[in-house]
Amino acid sequence: MSETIEIEFKNILTKDEYEILLKEFNVEEKQIITQNNHYFDTPDFALKNLGSALRIREKYEHYEMTLKQPATVGLLETTQHLSVNEFQTAIQYGKLPTGKIHDGIEQLDISFNSIAYFGSLLTKRAEFPYKIGLLVLDHSFYLNNEDYEVEYEVEDFQLGQSAFQELLKQYGIPIRKTLNKIARFYQQKHSS
């Protein structure tokens, strides 16, 4: 169980911009990992309406459930590791394990039993150190859609924002209003 503050900057990319960044940073195919995010909320999107999100990430046959909530700067992430059985029960039956995340959701006045499974988003991800943070290049697939994105995870908001904007400028990438993955997933789900 862990709690961290996530500060990240993100920008949607075109396929060409994504491929240029892969080439410029010498990313090899073996550096690209696959992860699957499984999203949960209530049928009336109670978590989303509070600016929060709940996911289970499946990566390297490890499973972790993360509740993201707004913080003064960035997002408060509460993460709980799951067993294979807990993961399978969550995906197949929509029954989530108890623990700190359960308690956090109940504190939001949301019934934990009302949480339902909404679907998954598969990402092919390359990540590597860049200046003061971690640069992430993502190619995601969800609900008959795919997109490309660059993320920059940092500990200092202002220094990170400056470095990220310099990166975009250096490669001629326009700043685009970019929703996070779960918001893009839900937007696509609503339009399908």
N, C-alpha and C. Protein backbone atom coordinates (compact mmCIF):
# COMPACT_ATOMS: atom_id res chain seq x y z
N MET A 1 0.85 -1.17 0.00
CA MET A 1 0.00 0.00 0.00
C MET A 1 0.90 1.23 0.00
N SER A 2 0.59 2.16 -0.88
CA SER A 2 1.38 3.39 -0.90
C SER A 2 0.49 4.56 -1.29
N GLU A 3 0.93 5.74 -0.87
CA GLU A 3 0.28 6.99 -1.27
C GLU A 3 1.36 7.92 -1.80
N THR A 4 1.13 8.45 -2.99
CA THR A 4 2.09 9.38 -3.60
C THR A 4 1.32 10.51 -4.28
N ILE A 5 2.03 11.60 -4.50
CA ILE A 5 1.48 12.70 -5.29
C ILE A 5 2.04 12.56 -6.70
N GLU A 6 1.15 12.54 -7.66
CA GLU A 6 1.55 12.43 -9.06
C GLU A 6 1.46 13.81 -9.69
N ILE A 7 2.59 14.27 -10.25
CA ILE A 7 2.61 15.51 -11.02
C ILE A 7 3.09 15.12 -12.41
N GLU A 8 2.22 15.30 -13.38
CA GLU A 8 2.62 14.95 -14.74
C GLU A 8 2.00 15.92 -15.73
N PHE A 9 2.69 16.05 -16.84
CA PHE A 9 2.23 16.86 -17.96
C PHE A 9 2.04 15.92 -19.13
N LYS A 10 1.03 16.18 -19.94
CA LYS A 10 0.76 15.27 -21.05
C LYS A 10 0.32 16.04 -22.28
N ASN A 11 0.56 15.43 -23.42
CA ASN A 11 0.18 16.04 -24.68
C ASN A 11 -0.10 14.92 -25.69
N ILE A 12 -1.27 15.00 -26.32
CA ILE A 12 -1.59 14.06 -27.40
C ILE A 12 -0.63 14.31 -28.56
N LEU A 13 -0.23 13.23 -29.21
CA LEU A 13 0.68 13.31 -30.36
C LEU A 13 0.00 12.74 -31.60
N THR A 14 0.47 13.18 -32.75
CA THR A 14 0.10 12.48 -33.99
C THR A 14 1.00 11.24 -34.06
N LYS A 15 0.66 10.33 -34.94
CA LYS A 15 1.49 9.13 -35.12
C LYS A 15 2.90 9.54 -35.56
N ASP A 16 3.01 10.51 -36.47
CA ASP A 16 4.32 10.96 -36.94
C ASP A 16 5.15 11.56 -35.80
N GLU A 17 4.52 12.40 -34.95
CA GLU A 17 5.24 13.00 -33.82
C GLU A 17 5.72 11.92 -32.86
N TYR A 18 4.87 10.94 -32.61
CA TYR A 18 5.23 9.82 -31.73
C TYR A 18 6.45 9.08 -32.29
N GLU A 19 6.41 8.78 -33.57
CA GLU A 19 7.52 8.04 -34.19
C GLU A 19 8.80 8.85 -34.21
N ILE A 20 8.70 10.17 -34.39
CA ILE A 20 9.88 11.04 -34.34
C ILE A 20 10.51 10.99 -32.95
N LEU A 21 9.68 11.08 -31.90
CA LEU A 21 10.21 11.04 -30.53
C LEU A 21 10.84 9.68 -30.23
N LEU A 22 10.22 8.60 -30.68
CA LEU A 22 10.84 7.27 -30.49
C LEU A 22 12.23 7.24 -31.11
N LYS A 23 12.33 7.77 -32.31
CA LYS A 23 13.62 7.77 -33.02
C LYS A 23 14.62 8.70 -32.35
N GLU A 24 14.20 9.93 -32.00
CA GLU A 24 15.10 10.91 -31.39
C GLU A 24 15.67 10.41 -30.06
N PHE A 25 14.87 9.65 -29.30
CA PHE A 25 15.34 9.15 -28.01
C PHE A 25 15.85 7.71 -28.09
N ASN A 26 16.08 7.24 -29.32
CA ASN A 26 16.67 5.92 -29.56
C ASN A 26 15.93 4.79 -28.83
N VAL A 27 14.61 4.83 -28.86
CA VAL A 27 13.82 3.80 -28.20
C VAL A 27 13.79 2.57 -29.10
N GLU A 28 14.21 1.45 -28.53
CA GLU A 28 14.18 0.18 -29.26
C GLU A 28 12.93 -0.58 -28.88
N GLU A 29 12.51 -1.47 -29.77
CA GLU A 29 11.27 -2.25 -29.56
C GLU A 29 11.29 -2.97 -28.21
N LYS A 30 12.46 -3.49 -27.80
CA LYS A 30 12.53 -4.25 -26.54
C LYS A 30 12.31 -3.36 -25.31
N GLN A 31 12.40 -2.03 -25.49
CA GLN A 31 12.16 -1.10 -24.38
C GLN A 31 10.68 -0.80 -24.19
N ILE A 32 9.86 -1.18 -25.16
CA ILE A 32 8.43 -0.89 -25.10
C ILE A 32 7.72 -2.03 -24.39
N ILE A 33 7.04 -1.68 -23.29
CA ILE A 33 6.32 -2.68 -22.51
C ILE A 33 4.82 -2.52 -22.76
N THR A 34 4.09 -3.57 -22.46
CA THR A 34 2.63 -3.53 -22.62
C THR A 34 2.00 -3.58 -21.24
N GLN A 35 1.03 -2.70 -21.02
CA GLN A 35 0.27 -2.71 -19.78
C GLN A 35 -1.20 -2.53 -20.12
N ASN A 36 -2.05 -3.03 -19.24
CA ASN A 36 -3.48 -2.93 -19.47
C ASN A 36 -4.11 -2.26 -18.26
N ASN A 37 -4.85 -1.18 -18.48
CA ASN A 37 -5.56 -0.49 -17.42
C ASN A 37 -7.04 -0.88 -17.50
N HIS A 38 -7.58 -1.32 -16.38
CA HIS A 38 -8.98 -1.71 -16.28
C HIS A 38 -9.67 -0.64 -15.41
N TYR A 39 -10.75 -0.04 -15.94
CA TYR A 39 -11.37 1.10 -15.28
C TYR A 39 -12.69 0.75 -14.60
N PHE A 40 -12.91 1.39 -13.46
CA PHE A 40 -14.09 1.16 -12.62
C PHE A 40 -14.69 2.50 -12.20
N ASP A 41 -16.00 2.53 -12.05
CA ASP A 41 -16.71 3.68 -11.49
C ASP A 41 -18.12 3.20 -11.17
N THR A 42 -18.93 4.08 -10.63
CA THR A 42 -20.33 3.74 -10.42
C THR A 42 -21.07 3.96 -11.75
N PRO A 43 -22.24 3.36 -11.92
CA PRO A 43 -22.99 3.56 -13.18
C PRO A 43 -23.27 5.03 -13.49
N ASP A 44 -23.36 5.87 -12.46
CA ASP A 44 -23.60 7.30 -12.69
C ASP A 44 -22.31 8.14 -12.58
N PHE A 45 -21.15 7.49 -12.65
CA PHE A 45 -19.85 8.15 -12.67
C PHE A 45 -19.59 9.02 -11.44
N ALA A 46 -19.89 8.50 -10.27
CA ALA A 46 -19.70 9.26 -9.03
C ALA A 46 -18.22 9.63 -8.81
N LEU A 47 -17.30 8.72 -9.10
CA LEU A 47 -15.87 9.03 -8.95
C LEU A 47 -15.45 10.11 -9.94
N LYS A 48 -15.80 9.92 -11.20
CA LYS A 48 -15.45 10.89 -12.25
C LYS A 48 -15.99 12.27 -11.89
N ASN A 49 -17.22 12.33 -11.38
CA ASN A 49 -17.83 13.61 -11.04
C ASN A 49 -17.09 14.33 -9.90
N LEU A 50 -16.32 13.60 -9.11
CA LEU A 50 -15.50 14.19 -8.05
C LEU A 50 -14.06 14.44 -8.50
N GLY A 51 -13.79 14.21 -9.79
CA GLY A 51 -12.43 14.38 -10.30
C GLY A 51 -11.52 13.23 -9.93
N SER A 52 -12.10 12.10 -9.53
CA SER A 52 -11.35 10.93 -9.09
C SER A 52 -11.44 9.83 -10.14
N ALA A 53 -10.61 8.82 -9.99
CA ALA A 53 -10.63 7.68 -10.91
C ALA A 53 -10.13 6.44 -10.19
N LEU A 54 -10.61 5.29 -10.63
CA LEU A 54 -10.19 4.01 -10.06
C LEU A 54 -9.81 3.08 -11.19
N ARG A 55 -8.62 2.50 -11.08
CA ARG A 55 -8.18 1.56 -12.11
C ARG A 55 -7.42 0.42 -11.47
N ILE A 56 -7.36 -0.68 -12.21
CA ILE A 56 -6.44 -1.76 -11.89
C ILE A 56 -5.48 -1.85 -13.06
N ARG A 57 -4.19 -1.77 -12.78
CA ARG A 57 -3.17 -1.88 -13.83
C ARG A 57 -2.60 -3.29 -13.81
N GLU A 58 -2.55 -3.87 -14.99
CA GLU A 58 -2.01 -5.21 -15.20
C GLU A 58 -0.72 -5.05 -15.99
N LYS A 59 0.42 -5.41 -15.38
CA LYS A 59 1.72 -5.25 -16.04
C LYS A 59 2.66 -6.33 -15.53
N TYR A 60 3.28 -7.06 -16.45
CA TYR A 60 4.22 -8.14 -16.09
C TYR A 60 3.59 -9.14 -15.12
N GLU A 61 2.33 -9.46 -15.32
CA GLU A 61 1.60 -10.39 -14.46
C GLU A 61 1.57 -9.93 -13.00
N HIS A 62 1.66 -8.61 -12.79
CA HIS A 62 1.46 -8.00 -11.49
C HIS A 62 0.23 -7.10 -11.61
N TYR A 63 -0.48 -6.95 -10.51
CA TYR A 63 -1.74 -6.23 -10.54
C TYR A 63 -1.76 -5.23 -9.39
N GLU A 64 -2.12 -3.98 -9.69
CA GLU A 64 -2.26 -2.98 -8.64
C GLU A 64 -3.48 -2.12 -8.91
N MET A 65 -4.22 -1.89 -7.85
CA MET A 65 -5.41 -1.05 -7.91
C MET A 65 -5.02 0.33 -7.41
N THR A 66 -5.40 1.37 -8.16
CA THR A 66 -5.04 2.74 -7.80
C THR A 66 -6.27 3.64 -7.82
N LEU A 67 -6.43 4.37 -6.72
CA LEU A 67 -7.45 5.41 -6.63
C LEU A 67 -6.73 6.74 -6.79
N LYS A 68 -7.16 7.53 -7.78
CA LYS A 68 -6.57 8.86 -8.00
C LYS A 68 -7.60 9.89 -7.56
N GLN A 69 -7.12 10.87 -6.74
CA GLN A 69 -7.99 11.92 -6.24
C GLN A 69 -7.28 13.26 -6.39
N PRO A 70 -8.04 14.33 -6.62
CA PRO A 70 -7.41 15.65 -6.74
C PRO A 70 -6.64 16.01 -5.47
N ALA A 71 -5.47 16.64 -5.67
CA ALA A 71 -4.66 17.14 -4.56
C ALA A 71 -4.39 18.62 -4.84
N THR A 72 -3.79 19.32 -3.89
CA THR A 72 -3.49 20.73 -4.08
C THR A 72 -2.68 20.93 -5.35
N VAL A 73 -1.65 20.11 -5.54
CA VAL A 73 -0.87 20.08 -6.77
C VAL A 73 -0.86 18.63 -7.23
N GLY A 74 -1.28 18.38 -8.45
CA GLY A 74 -1.28 17.03 -8.99
C GLY A 74 -2.42 16.18 -8.44
N LEU A 75 -2.17 14.89 -8.37
CA LEU A 75 -3.17 13.92 -7.90
C LEU A 75 -2.60 13.09 -6.77
N LEU A 76 -3.43 12.79 -5.78
CA LEU A 76 -3.07 11.85 -4.74
C LEU A 76 -3.39 10.46 -5.27
N GLU A 77 -2.38 9.60 -5.33
CA GLU A 77 -2.57 8.23 -5.78
C GLU A 77 -2.42 7.29 -4.61
N THR A 78 -3.46 6.50 -4.36
CA THR A 78 -3.41 5.45 -3.35
C THR A 78 -3.39 4.13 -4.11
N THR A 79 -2.35 3.33 -3.87
CA THR A 79 -2.16 2.10 -4.63
C THR A 79 -2.13 0.89 -3.70
N GLN A 80 -2.79 -0.15 -4.14
CA GLN A 80 -2.90 -1.40 -3.38
C GLN A 80 -2.58 -2.55 -4.33
N HIS A 81 -1.64 -3.41 -3.96
CA HIS A 81 -1.29 -4.57 -4.78
C HIS A 81 -2.36 -5.64 -4.64
N LEU A 82 -2.63 -6.34 -5.75
CA LEU A 82 -3.66 -7.37 -5.77
C LEU A 82 -3.05 -8.72 -6.14
N SER A 83 -3.67 -9.77 -5.64
CA SER A 83 -3.30 -11.12 -6.05
C SER A 83 -3.97 -11.42 -7.39
N VAL A 84 -3.56 -12.49 -8.04
CA VAL A 84 -4.18 -12.90 -9.30
C VAL A 84 -5.67 -13.15 -9.08
N ASN A 85 -6.02 -13.81 -7.98
CA ASN A 85 -7.42 -14.10 -7.69
C ASN A 85 -8.23 -12.83 -7.48
N GLU A 86 -7.67 -11.85 -6.75
CA GLU A 86 -8.38 -10.58 -6.53
C GLU A 86 -8.60 -9.86 -7.86
N PHE A 87 -7.58 -9.90 -8.72
CA PHE A 87 -7.69 -9.28 -10.04
C PHE A 87 -8.78 -9.94 -10.86
N GLN A 88 -8.75 -11.25 -10.94
CA GLN A 88 -9.74 -11.98 -11.75
C GLN A 88 -11.16 -11.77 -11.23
N THR A 89 -11.33 -11.75 -9.91
CA THR A 89 -12.65 -11.51 -9.32
C THR A 89 -13.15 -10.11 -9.67
N ALA A 90 -12.25 -9.13 -9.66
CA ALA A 90 -12.62 -7.75 -9.99
C ALA A 90 -13.07 -7.64 -11.45
N ILE A 91 -12.33 -8.26 -12.36
CA ILE A 91 -12.64 -8.15 -13.78
C ILE A 91 -13.87 -8.97 -14.15
N GLN A 92 -13.94 -10.20 -13.64
CA GLN A 92 -15.03 -11.09 -14.03
C GLN A 92 -16.35 -10.77 -13.34
N TYR A 93 -16.28 -10.36 -12.07
CA TYR A 93 -17.50 -10.18 -11.29
C TYR A 93 -17.71 -8.75 -10.80
N GLY A 94 -16.74 -7.86 -11.04
CA GLY A 94 -16.86 -6.49 -10.57
C GLY A 94 -16.76 -6.36 -9.06
N LYS A 95 -16.23 -7.39 -8.40
CA LYS A 95 -16.10 -7.37 -6.93
C LYS A 95 -14.67 -7.02 -6.57
N LEU A 96 -14.52 -5.86 -5.94
CA LEU A 96 -13.19 -5.35 -5.61
C LEU A 96 -12.80 -5.73 -4.18
N PRO A 97 -11.50 -5.92 -3.93
CA PRO A 97 -11.05 -6.27 -2.58
C PRO A 97 -11.14 -5.09 -1.62
N THR A 98 -11.26 -5.40 -0.34
CA THR A 98 -11.28 -4.34 0.67
C THR A 98 -9.85 -3.88 0.95
N GLY A 99 -9.74 -2.81 1.71
CA GLY A 99 -8.43 -2.25 2.04
C GLY A 99 -8.54 -0.74 2.08
N LYS A 100 -7.40 -0.08 1.96
CA LYS A 100 -7.34 1.38 2.07
C LYS A 100 -8.14 2.07 0.96
N ILE A 101 -8.16 1.50 -0.23
CA ILE A 101 -8.91 2.11 -1.33
C ILE A 101 -10.41 2.01 -1.06
N HIS A 102 -10.84 0.87 -0.56
CA HIS A 102 -12.25 0.70 -0.16
C HIS A 102 -12.63 1.80 0.84
N ASP A 103 -11.79 1.98 1.85
CA ASP A 103 -12.05 2.99 2.88
C ASP A 103 -12.10 4.40 2.27
N GLY A 104 -11.16 4.68 1.35
CA GLY A 104 -11.12 5.99 0.70
C GLY A 104 -12.36 6.28 -0.11
N ILE A 105 -12.87 5.28 -0.82
CA ILE A 105 -14.08 5.46 -1.62
C ILE A 105 -15.29 5.67 -0.72
N GLU A 106 -15.36 4.91 0.35
CA GLU A 106 -16.47 5.07 1.30
C GLU A 106 -16.44 6.46 1.94
N GLN A 107 -15.23 7.01 2.17
CA GLN A 107 -15.11 8.36 2.74
C GLN A 107 -15.60 9.44 1.78
N LEU A 108 -15.68 9.09 0.50
CA LEU A 108 -16.23 10.02 -0.50
C LEU A 108 -17.75 9.93 -0.57
N ASP A 109 -18.33 9.16 0.34
CA ASP A 109 -19.78 8.90 0.36
C ASP A 109 -20.25 8.16 -0.90
N ILE A 110 -19.40 7.27 -1.37
CA ILE A 110 -19.74 6.41 -2.50
C ILE A 110 -19.74 4.98 -1.98
N SER A 111 -20.81 4.27 -2.23
CA SER A 111 -20.88 2.87 -1.80
C SER A 111 -19.91 2.05 -2.62
N PHE A 112 -19.00 1.37 -1.94
CA PHE A 112 -18.01 0.54 -2.62
C PHE A 112 -18.70 -0.55 -3.44
N ASN A 113 -19.85 -1.02 -2.97
CA ASN A 113 -20.58 -2.08 -3.67
C ASN A 113 -21.20 -1.58 -4.97
N SER A 114 -21.27 -0.26 -5.16
CA SER A 114 -21.86 0.27 -6.39
C SER A 114 -20.83 0.42 -7.51
N ILE A 115 -19.56 0.16 -7.21
CA ILE A 115 -18.50 0.27 -8.22
C ILE A 115 -18.64 -0.86 -9.23
N ALA A 116 -18.57 -0.51 -10.52
CA ALA A 116 -18.71 -1.50 -11.59
C ALA A 116 -17.52 -1.40 -12.56
N TYR A 117 -17.26 -2.51 -13.24
CA TYR A 117 -16.19 -2.58 -14.24
C TYR A 117 -16.67 -1.97 -15.56
N PHE A 118 -15.87 -1.05 -16.15
CA PHE A 118 -16.27 -0.37 -17.38
C PHE A 118 -15.51 -0.84 -18.62
N GLY A 119 -14.32 -1.42 -18.45
CA GLY A 119 -13.57 -1.87 -19.61
C GLY A 119 -12.09 -1.59 -19.45
N SER A 120 -11.34 -1.84 -20.53
CA SER A 120 -9.88 -1.73 -20.43
C SER A 120 -9.28 -0.91 -21.57
N LEU A 121 -8.07 -0.45 -21.31
CA LEU A 121 -7.28 0.32 -22.25
C LEU A 121 -5.87 -0.27 -22.24
N LEU A 122 -5.41 -0.74 -23.40
CA LEU A 122 -4.08 -1.34 -23.52
C LEU A 122 -3.10 -0.29 -24.00
N THR A 123 -1.95 -0.23 -23.36
CA THR A 123 -0.93 0.76 -23.72
C THR A 123 0.41 0.08 -23.98
N LYS A 124 1.04 0.47 -25.08
CA LYS A 124 2.43 0.11 -25.34
C LYS A 124 3.24 1.32 -24.92
N ARG A 125 4.11 1.13 -23.93
CA ARG A 125 4.76 2.24 -23.25
C ARG A 125 6.28 2.14 -23.27
N ALA A 126 6.91 3.29 -23.57
CA ALA A 126 8.36 3.44 -23.42
C ALA A 126 8.57 4.55 -22.40
N GLU A 127 9.43 4.31 -21.41
CA GLU A 127 9.71 5.35 -20.42
C GLU A 127 11.20 5.38 -20.11
N PHE A 128 11.69 6.61 -19.87
CA PHE A 128 13.13 6.78 -19.65
C PHE A 128 13.36 8.12 -18.97
N PRO A 129 14.48 8.26 -18.25
CA PRO A 129 14.79 9.53 -17.59
C PRO A 129 14.99 10.63 -18.63
N TYR A 130 14.51 11.83 -18.29
CA TYR A 130 14.69 13.00 -19.14
C TYR A 130 14.76 14.21 -18.23
N LYS A 131 15.89 14.91 -18.26
CA LYS A 131 16.13 16.07 -17.41
C LYS A 131 15.78 15.78 -15.95
N ILE A 132 14.71 16.41 -15.41
CA ILE A 132 14.42 16.25 -13.98
C ILE A 132 13.30 15.24 -13.70
N GLY A 133 12.92 14.47 -14.71
CA GLY A 133 11.79 13.56 -14.50
C GLY A 133 11.86 12.32 -15.36
N LEU A 134 10.69 11.77 -15.62
CA LEU A 134 10.55 10.54 -16.40
C LEU A 134 9.69 10.87 -17.61
N LEU A 135 10.24 10.64 -18.81
CA LEU A 135 9.50 10.88 -20.04
C LEU A 135 8.85 9.56 -20.47
N VAL A 136 7.59 9.65 -20.87
CA VAL A 136 6.81 8.46 -21.21
C VAL A 136 6.19 8.67 -22.59
N LEU A 137 6.37 7.68 -23.46
CA LEU A 137 5.74 7.70 -24.78
C LEU A 137 4.76 6.54 -24.83
N ASP A 138 3.48 6.85 -25.07
CA ASP A 138 2.42 5.85 -25.02
C ASP A 138 1.69 5.74 -26.36
N HIS A 139 1.38 4.50 -26.73
CA HIS A 139 0.50 4.20 -27.85
C HIS A 139 -0.61 3.35 -27.25
N SER A 140 -1.83 3.90 -27.20
CA SER A 140 -2.93 3.25 -26.48
C SER A 140 -4.03 2.80 -27.43
N PHE A 141 -4.70 1.69 -27.03
CA PHE A 141 -5.78 1.08 -27.80
C PHE A 141 -6.97 0.86 -26.87
N TYR A 142 -8.15 1.35 -27.29
CA TYR A 142 -9.34 1.19 -26.46
C TYR A 142 -10.59 1.44 -27.29
N LEU A 143 -11.60 0.59 -27.10
CA LEU A 143 -12.91 0.77 -27.70
C LEU A 143 -12.83 1.12 -29.19
N ASN A 144 -12.08 0.32 -29.95
CA ASN A 144 -11.91 0.52 -31.40
C ASN A 144 -11.26 1.87 -31.73
N ASN A 145 -10.42 2.36 -30.85
CA ASN A 145 -9.74 3.64 -31.03
C ASN A 145 -8.27 3.45 -30.66
N GLU A 146 -7.41 4.29 -31.17
CA GLU A 146 -6.02 4.32 -30.73
C GLU A 146 -5.53 5.75 -30.73
N ASP A 147 -4.57 6.03 -29.83
CA ASP A 147 -3.99 7.36 -29.80
C ASP A 147 -2.55 7.28 -29.30
N TYR A 148 -1.86 8.42 -29.44
CA TYR A 148 -0.45 8.54 -29.07
C TYR A 148 -0.33 9.71 -28.11
N GLU A 149 0.61 9.57 -27.16
CA GLU A 149 0.71 10.60 -26.11
C GLU A 149 2.13 10.63 -25.56
N VAL A 150 2.55 11.82 -25.14
CA VAL A 150 3.78 11.98 -24.39
C VAL A 150 3.40 12.48 -23.00
N GLU A 151 4.00 11.88 -21.97
CA GLU A 151 3.79 12.31 -20.59
C GLU A 151 5.15 12.62 -19.98
N TYR A 152 5.14 13.53 -19.03
CA TYR A 152 6.36 13.86 -18.31
C TYR A 152 6.04 13.90 -16.82
N GLU A 153 6.59 12.95 -16.08
CA GLU A 153 6.33 12.82 -14.64
C GLU A 153 7.48 13.45 -13.87
N VAL A 154 7.14 14.35 -12.94
CA VAL A 154 8.15 15.12 -12.21
C VAL A 154 7.75 15.27 -10.75
N GLU A 155 8.66 15.80 -9.96
CA GLU A 155 8.37 16.10 -8.56
C GLU A 155 8.13 17.59 -8.33
N ASP A 156 8.64 18.43 -9.23
CA ASP A 156 8.49 19.87 -9.10
C ASP A 156 7.64 20.39 -10.26
N PHE A 157 6.48 20.95 -9.95
CA PHE A 157 5.53 21.38 -10.98
C PHE A 157 6.14 22.40 -11.93
N GLN A 158 6.71 23.48 -11.40
CA GLN A 158 7.16 24.57 -12.26
C GLN A 158 8.35 24.17 -13.13
N LEU A 159 9.34 23.49 -12.54
CA LEU A 159 10.49 23.04 -13.33
C LEU A 159 10.05 22.03 -14.38
N GLY A 160 9.13 21.15 -13.99
CA GLY A 160 8.63 20.13 -14.91
C GLY A 160 7.87 20.74 -16.07
N GLN A 161 7.02 21.71 -15.76
CA GLN A 161 6.24 22.37 -16.80
C GLN A 161 7.16 23.06 -17.81
N SER A 162 8.19 23.73 -17.31
CA SER A 162 9.13 24.42 -18.18
C SER A 162 9.88 23.42 -19.08
N ALA A 163 10.38 22.33 -18.51
CA ALA A 163 11.11 21.32 -19.29
C ALA A 163 10.21 20.67 -20.33
N PHE A 164 8.95 20.43 -19.96
CA PHE A 164 8.02 19.79 -20.90
C PHE A 164 7.70 20.72 -22.06
N GLN A 165 7.45 21.98 -21.76
CA GLN A 165 7.15 22.93 -22.83
C GLN A 165 8.35 23.12 -23.77
N GLU A 166 9.56 23.11 -23.20
CA GLU A 166 10.77 23.20 -24.03
C GLU A 166 10.89 21.99 -24.95
N LEU A 167 10.57 20.82 -24.44
CA LEU A 167 10.62 19.59 -25.24
C LEU A 167 9.65 19.70 -26.44
N LEU A 168 8.42 20.09 -26.16
CA LEU A 168 7.43 20.22 -27.23
C LEU A 168 7.89 21.24 -28.27
N LYS A 169 8.41 22.36 -27.80
CA LYS A 169 8.88 23.41 -28.71
C LYS A 169 10.04 22.91 -29.57
N GLN A 170 10.97 22.19 -28.93
CA GLN A 170 12.15 21.69 -29.63
C GLN A 170 11.76 20.80 -30.81
N TYR A 171 10.69 20.01 -30.65
CA TYR A 171 10.29 19.08 -31.71
C TYR A 171 9.10 19.60 -32.52
N GLY A 172 8.75 20.88 -32.34
CA GLY A 172 7.69 21.48 -33.13
C GLY A 172 6.32 20.87 -32.90
N ILE A 173 6.09 20.41 -31.67
CA ILE A 173 4.81 19.78 -31.32
C ILE A 173 3.93 20.83 -30.64
N PRO A 174 2.76 21.12 -31.23
CA PRO A 174 1.88 22.11 -30.60
C PRO A 174 1.32 21.60 -29.27
N ILE A 175 1.13 22.51 -28.32
CA ILE A 175 0.50 22.15 -27.06
C ILE A 175 -0.98 21.90 -27.35
N ARG A 176 -1.45 20.71 -26.97
CA ARG A 176 -2.85 20.34 -27.20
C ARG A 176 -3.51 20.04 -25.87
N LYS A 177 -4.73 20.50 -25.71
CA LYS A 177 -5.50 20.16 -24.51
C LYS A 177 -5.64 18.63 -24.51
N THR A 178 -5.15 17.99 -23.44
CA THR A 178 -5.11 16.53 -23.42
C THR A 178 -5.78 16.00 -22.17
N LEU A 179 -6.81 15.23 -22.37
CA LEU A 179 -7.47 14.55 -21.26
C LEU A 179 -6.62 13.37 -20.83
N ASN A 180 -6.75 12.94 -19.57
CA ASN A 180 -6.03 11.75 -19.15
C ASN A 180 -6.66 10.52 -19.79
N LYS A 181 -6.00 9.38 -19.68
CA LYS A 181 -6.45 8.17 -20.37
C LYS A 181 -7.86 7.77 -19.98
N ILE A 182 -8.16 7.80 -18.70
CA ILE A 182 -9.49 7.36 -18.29
C ILE A 182 -10.57 8.30 -18.85
N ALA A 183 -10.29 9.59 -18.91
CA ALA A 183 -11.25 10.53 -19.48
C ALA A 183 -11.43 10.28 -20.97
N ARG A 184 -10.34 9.98 -21.68
CA ARG A 184 -10.44 9.66 -23.11
C ARG A 184 -11.22 8.37 -23.31
N PHE A 185 -10.97 7.40 -22.42
CA PHE A 185 -11.69 6.13 -22.48
C PHE A 185 -13.19 6.37 -22.31
N TYR A 186 -13.58 7.14 -21.28
CA TYR A 186 -14.99 7.40 -21.02
C TYR A 186 -15.62 8.22 -22.15
N GLN A 187 -14.87 9.18 -22.70
CA GLN A 187 -15.37 9.97 -23.80
C GLN A 187 -15.67 9.08 -25.02
N GLN A 188 -14.78 8.15 -25.30
CA GLN A 188 -14.98 7.21 -26.40
C GLN A 188 -16.15 6.28 -26.11
N LYS A 189 -16.27 5.84 -24.86
CA LYS A 189 -17.36 4.94 -24.47
C LYS A 189 -18.71 5.62 -24.69
N HIS A 190 -18.81 6.90 -24.33
CA HIS A 190 -20.06 7.65 -24.49
C HIS A 190 -20.40 7.88 -25.95
N SER A 191 -19.37 8.04 -26.81
CA SER A 191 -19.64 8.33 -28.20
C SER A 191 -19.88 7.08 -29.04
N SER A 192 -19.62 5.89 -28.46
CA SER A 192 -19.81 4.64 -29.21
C SER A 192 -21.27 4.23 -29.22
